[in-house]
């Protein structure tokens, strides 16, 4: 339990429709219990009011992301990234999945922290997600000063237009279950509801809206 002031460098950053806090791994303690306790304190969880006034979290799951970054020594990899999902009103920290939105903040943070070299107008950042062991390539618009933030790309749920970040995910099929269709069937049915269970980057359920009379 942390009961004293503890200085930690971190950066609050948005990735896609998500927002959270990025840390360099070297700025966090190696003891996992202490590390988790510090992260909860910084984010302000759990909070029975669910607004996280005391903390950097934003009161809902999309604003409670944490990334821990380190420079990689592996061939063909620039950055290694551990993703953490927090919730406003629980102590649980989920490190099982990746986040397809927040990972777009990883190359921005890496350039900001001089962990990767800028290569002209386009910079490629090769990322290993430690949660899923997936490789993601991120391409950014850059200049000598760093990442160019201005652009014409819009995303639903986020105000404004920004510079595009292109992500390529490799070896994402069956990342958790080993199968594209974990139930061994493309379409499943529960009573009158049709759905598909697929494992692409993370396991998910896709439901036919027509069978639920909502589309």
Protein backbone atom coordinates (compact mmCIF):
# COMPACT_ATOMS: atom_id res chain seq x y z
CA UNK A 1 0.00 0.00 0.00
CA UNK A 2 1.33 3.43 -0.98
CA UNK A 3 0.85 5.95 1.84
CA UNK A 4 3.42 8.55 0.85
CA UNK A 5 4.13 10.81 -2.12
CA UNK A 6 5.92 9.01 -4.92
CA UNK A 7 7.16 10.84 -8.03
CA UNK A 8 6.50 9.00 -11.31
CA UNK A 9 6.92 10.33 -14.84
CA UNK A 10 3.97 9.55 -17.10
CA UNK A 11 2.18 10.91 -20.16
CA UNK A 12 -1.57 11.16 -20.69
CA UNK A 13 -2.36 10.39 -24.32
CA UNK A 14 -5.27 9.46 -26.59
CA UNK A 15 -5.28 6.56 -29.03
CA UNK A 16 -8.32 6.26 -31.28
CA UNK A 17 -11.45 6.44 -29.14
CA UNK A 18 -9.48 5.60 -25.99
CA UNK A 19 -7.50 7.70 -23.56
CA UNK A 20 -5.09 6.75 -20.83
CA UNK A 21 -1.61 7.02 -19.36
CA UNK A 22 1.70 5.80 -20.78
CA UNK A 23 4.73 4.89 -18.67
CA UNK A 24 8.28 3.99 -19.51
CA UNK A 25 8.91 0.65 -17.83
CA UNK A 26 12.10 1.96 -16.22
CA UNK A 27 10.06 4.59 -14.36
CA UNK A 28 7.98 1.98 -12.55
CA UNK A 29 9.07 -0.37 -9.74
CA UNK A 30 9.85 -3.96 -10.74
CA UNK A 31 7.76 -5.36 -7.86
CA UNK A 32 4.42 -6.21 -9.50
CA UNK A 33 2.29 -5.64 -6.39
CA UNK A 34 3.81 -2.19 -5.82
CA UNK A 35 3.55 -1.37 -9.53
CA UNK A 36 -0.16 -2.22 -9.62
CA UNK A 37 -0.83 -0.23 -6.46
CA UNK A 38 0.89 2.84 -7.95
CA UNK A 39 -1.09 2.53 -11.19
CA UNK A 40 -4.37 2.31 -9.27
CA UNK A 41 -3.42 5.43 -7.30
CA UNK A 42 -2.49 7.37 -10.43
CA UNK A 43 -5.68 6.40 -12.26
CA UNK A 44 -7.88 6.88 -9.17
CA UNK A 45 -9.46 3.43 -8.89
CA UNK A 46 -11.54 2.09 -7.37
CA UNK A 47 -13.88 5.07 -7.07
CA UNK A 48 -17.40 4.48 -5.74
CA UNK A 49 -18.46 7.76 -7.39
CA UNK A 50 -17.11 6.47 -10.75
CA UNK A 51 -15.87 9.92 -11.80
CA UNK A 52 -12.21 9.58 -10.75
CA UNK A 53 -11.84 13.21 -9.72
CA UNK A 54 -8.89 12.01 -7.63
CA UNK A 55 -6.88 10.43 -10.44
CA UNK A 56 -6.16 10.55 -14.18
CA UNK A 57 -8.90 8.12 -15.18
CA UNK A 58 -11.91 9.48 -17.03
CA UNK A 59 -14.89 7.82 -15.37
CA UNK A 60 -15.47 5.08 -17.98
CA UNK A 61 -13.55 2.14 -19.39
CA UNK A 62 -12.48 3.90 -22.61
CA UNK A 63 -10.65 6.51 -20.52
CA UNK A 64 -8.99 4.00 -18.19
CA UNK A 65 -6.20 2.58 -20.33
CA UNK A 66 -2.58 2.18 -19.25
CA UNK A 67 0.45 1.35 -21.38
CA UNK A 68 3.90 0.30 -20.17
CA UNK A 69 6.59 0.76 -22.84
CA UNK A 70 10.15 -0.35 -23.23
CA UNK A 71 12.67 -0.25 -26.07
CA UNK A 72 13.09 -3.72 -27.52
CA UNK A 73 16.33 -5.63 -27.99
CA UNK A 74 14.66 -8.17 -30.30
CA UNK A 75 15.49 -8.18 -33.99
CA UNK A 76 12.73 -6.61 -36.09
CA UNK A 77 11.01 -5.06 -33.05
CA UNK A 78 11.37 -1.44 -31.92
CA UNK A 79 8.99 -1.24 -28.95
CA UNK A 80 7.54 -3.74 -26.48
CA UNK A 81 4.19 -2.74 -25.03
CA UNK A 82 2.09 -4.07 -22.15
CA UNK A 83 -1.53 -2.93 -22.11
CA UNK A 84 -3.64 -2.63 -18.95
CA UNK A 85 -7.40 -2.10 -18.79
CA UNK A 86 -8.78 -0.55 -15.61
CA UNK A 87 -12.35 0.06 -14.49
CA UNK A 88 -13.55 3.08 -12.48
CA UNK A 89 -15.13 1.12 -9.64
CA UNK A 90 -12.98 -2.01 -9.23
CA UNK A 91 -9.39 -2.83 -8.29
CA UNK A 92 -9.02 -5.35 -11.12
CA UNK A 93 -6.36 -4.67 -13.75
CA UNK A 94 -6.85 -6.73 -16.90
CA UNK A 95 -3.69 -7.62 -18.85
CA UNK A 96 -5.19 -10.40 -20.98
CA UNK A 97 -6.25 -8.43 -24.09
CA UNK A 98 -4.75 -5.82 -26.34
CA UNK A 99 -6.65 -2.64 -27.29
CA UNK A 100 -6.88 -1.83 -30.99
CA UNK A 101 -7.53 1.85 -30.27
CA UNK A 102 -5.07 2.68 -27.51
CA UNK A 103 -2.19 0.96 -29.29
CA UNK A 104 -2.20 3.80 -31.84
CA UNK A 105 -0.85 5.98 -29.02
CA UNK A 106 2.19 3.73 -28.58
CA UNK A 107 4.19 4.97 -31.63
CA UNK A 108 3.32 8.58 -30.77
CA UNK A 109 4.64 8.09 -27.23
CA UNK A 110 7.71 6.23 -28.52
CA UNK A 111 8.63 9.10 -30.85
CA UNK A 112 7.94 11.67 -28.12
CA UNK A 113 10.31 9.80 -25.79
CA UNK A 114 12.99 9.36 -28.52
CA UNK A 115 12.72 5.56 -28.35
CA UNK A 116 12.63 5.30 -32.16
CA UNK A 117 14.38 7.27 -34.86
CA UNK A 118 12.35 9.47 -37.21
CA UNK A 119 12.81 8.49 -40.85
CA UNK A 120 11.74 11.36 -43.09
CA UNK A 121 8.08 12.02 -43.84
CA UNK A 122 6.95 8.54 -42.81
CA UNK A 123 8.18 6.63 -39.78
CA UNK A 124 7.56 2.93 -39.18
CA UNK A 125 7.35 1.74 -35.57
CA UNK A 126 7.41 -2.05 -35.08
CA UNK A 127 5.57 -3.01 -31.90
CA UNK A 128 5.35 -6.25 -29.94
CA UNK A 129 2.24 -6.41 -27.80
CA UNK A 130 3.24 -8.39 -24.71
CA UNK A 131 -0.37 -9.25 -23.80
CA UNK A 132 -1.00 -11.28 -26.95
CA UNK A 133 2.52 -11.67 -28.38
CA UNK A 134 1.22 -10.02 -31.57
CA UNK A 135 3.34 -7.83 -33.82
CA UNK A 136 1.85 -4.53 -34.98
CA UNK A 137 3.43 -2.14 -37.47
CA UNK A 138 2.47 1.52 -37.11
CA UNK A 139 3.12 4.10 -39.83
CA UNK A 140 3.02 7.80 -38.93
CA UNK A 141 3.42 11.11 -40.71
CA UNK A 142 6.53 12.76 -39.32
CA UNK A 143 9.05 15.53 -39.84
CA UNK A 144 12.32 16.40 -38.10
CA UNK A 145 10.41 17.67 -35.07
CA UNK A 146 8.43 14.46 -34.57
CA UNK A 147 4.90 13.20 -35.20
CA UNK A 148 2.69 15.52 -37.26
CA UNK A 149 -0.62 15.84 -35.41
CA UNK A 150 -2.57 17.88 -37.96
CA UNK A 151 -4.42 16.08 -40.73
CA UNK A 152 -7.78 15.28 -42.29
CA UNK A 153 -8.66 11.97 -40.65
CA UNK A 154 -11.80 11.78 -38.50
CA UNK A 155 -12.95 9.04 -36.15
CA UNK A 156 -16.45 8.63 -34.75
CA UNK A 157 -16.63 9.59 -31.09
CA UNK A 158 -13.65 11.99 -31.19
CA UNK A 159 -13.92 15.69 -31.94
CA UNK A 160 -11.68 17.14 -34.64
CA UNK A 161 -9.43 15.94 -37.47
CA UNK A 162 -5.96 14.51 -37.04
CA UNK A 163 -3.05 12.92 -38.84
CA UNK A 164 -3.66 9.30 -39.80
CA UNK A 165 -1.89 6.46 -37.99
CA UNK A 166 -1.90 3.28 -40.05
CA UNK A 167 -1.77 0.00 -38.13
CA UNK A 168 -1.00 -3.45 -39.53
CA UNK A 169 -1.68 -6.43 -37.24
CA UNK A 170 0.18 -9.70 -37.83
CA UNK A 171 -0.70 -13.23 -36.67
CA UNK A 172 -3.91 -12.13 -34.97
CA UNK A 173 -6.09 -15.16 -35.73
CA UNK A 174 -6.64 -17.39 -32.69
CA UNK A 175 -4.54 -15.21 -30.40
CA UNK A 176 -6.25 -16.51 -27.24
CA UNK A 177 -7.95 -19.78 -28.22
CA UNK A 178 -5.83 -20.94 -31.13
CA UNK A 179 -8.86 -20.96 -33.44
CA UNK A 180 -10.60 -18.43 -35.65
CA UNK A 181 -13.93 -19.98 -34.60
CA UNK A 182 -13.51 -21.24 -30.99
CA UNK A 183 -16.91 -22.98 -31.07
CA UNK A 184 -15.93 -24.84 -34.26
CA UNK A 185 -18.83 -23.31 -36.17
CA UNK A 186 -19.20 -20.08 -38.10
CA UNK A 187 -22.73 -19.31 -36.94
CA UNK A 188 -24.24 -20.34 -33.61
CA UNK A 189 -27.80 -19.98 -32.40
CA UNK A 190 -29.34 -19.47 -28.96
CA UNK A 191 -33.10 -19.68 -29.21
CA UNK A 192 -33.83 -17.22 -32.06
CA UNK A 193 -30.61 -15.22 -31.75
CA UNK A 194 -27.83 -15.88 -34.26
CA UNK A 195 -24.23 -15.02 -33.40
CA UNK A 196 -20.64 -15.85 -34.25
CA UNK A 197 -17.77 -16.29 -31.82
CA UNK A 198 -14.45 -15.37 -33.42
CA UNK A 199 -10.93 -14.90 -32.11
CA UNK A 200 -9.16 -12.19 -34.08
CA UNK A 201 -6.72 -10.25 -31.89
CA UNK A 202 -9.17 -10.85 -29.00
CA UNK A 203 -12.15 -13.22 -28.69
CA UNK A 204 -15.45 -11.51 -29.48
CA UNK A 205 -19.11 -12.25 -30.13
CA UNK A 206 -20.83 -10.83 -33.20
CA UNK A 207 -24.63 -10.84 -32.99
CA UNK A 208 -27.05 -10.59 -35.88
CA UNK A 209 -29.03 -7.45 -35.10
CA UNK A 210 -31.95 -8.62 -37.21
CA UNK A 211 -32.45 -11.65 -34.97
CA UNK A 212 -32.77 -9.28 -31.99
CA UNK A 213 -35.10 -6.90 -33.85
CA UNK A 214 -32.79 -3.94 -33.32
CA UNK A 215 -31.66 -3.38 -36.92
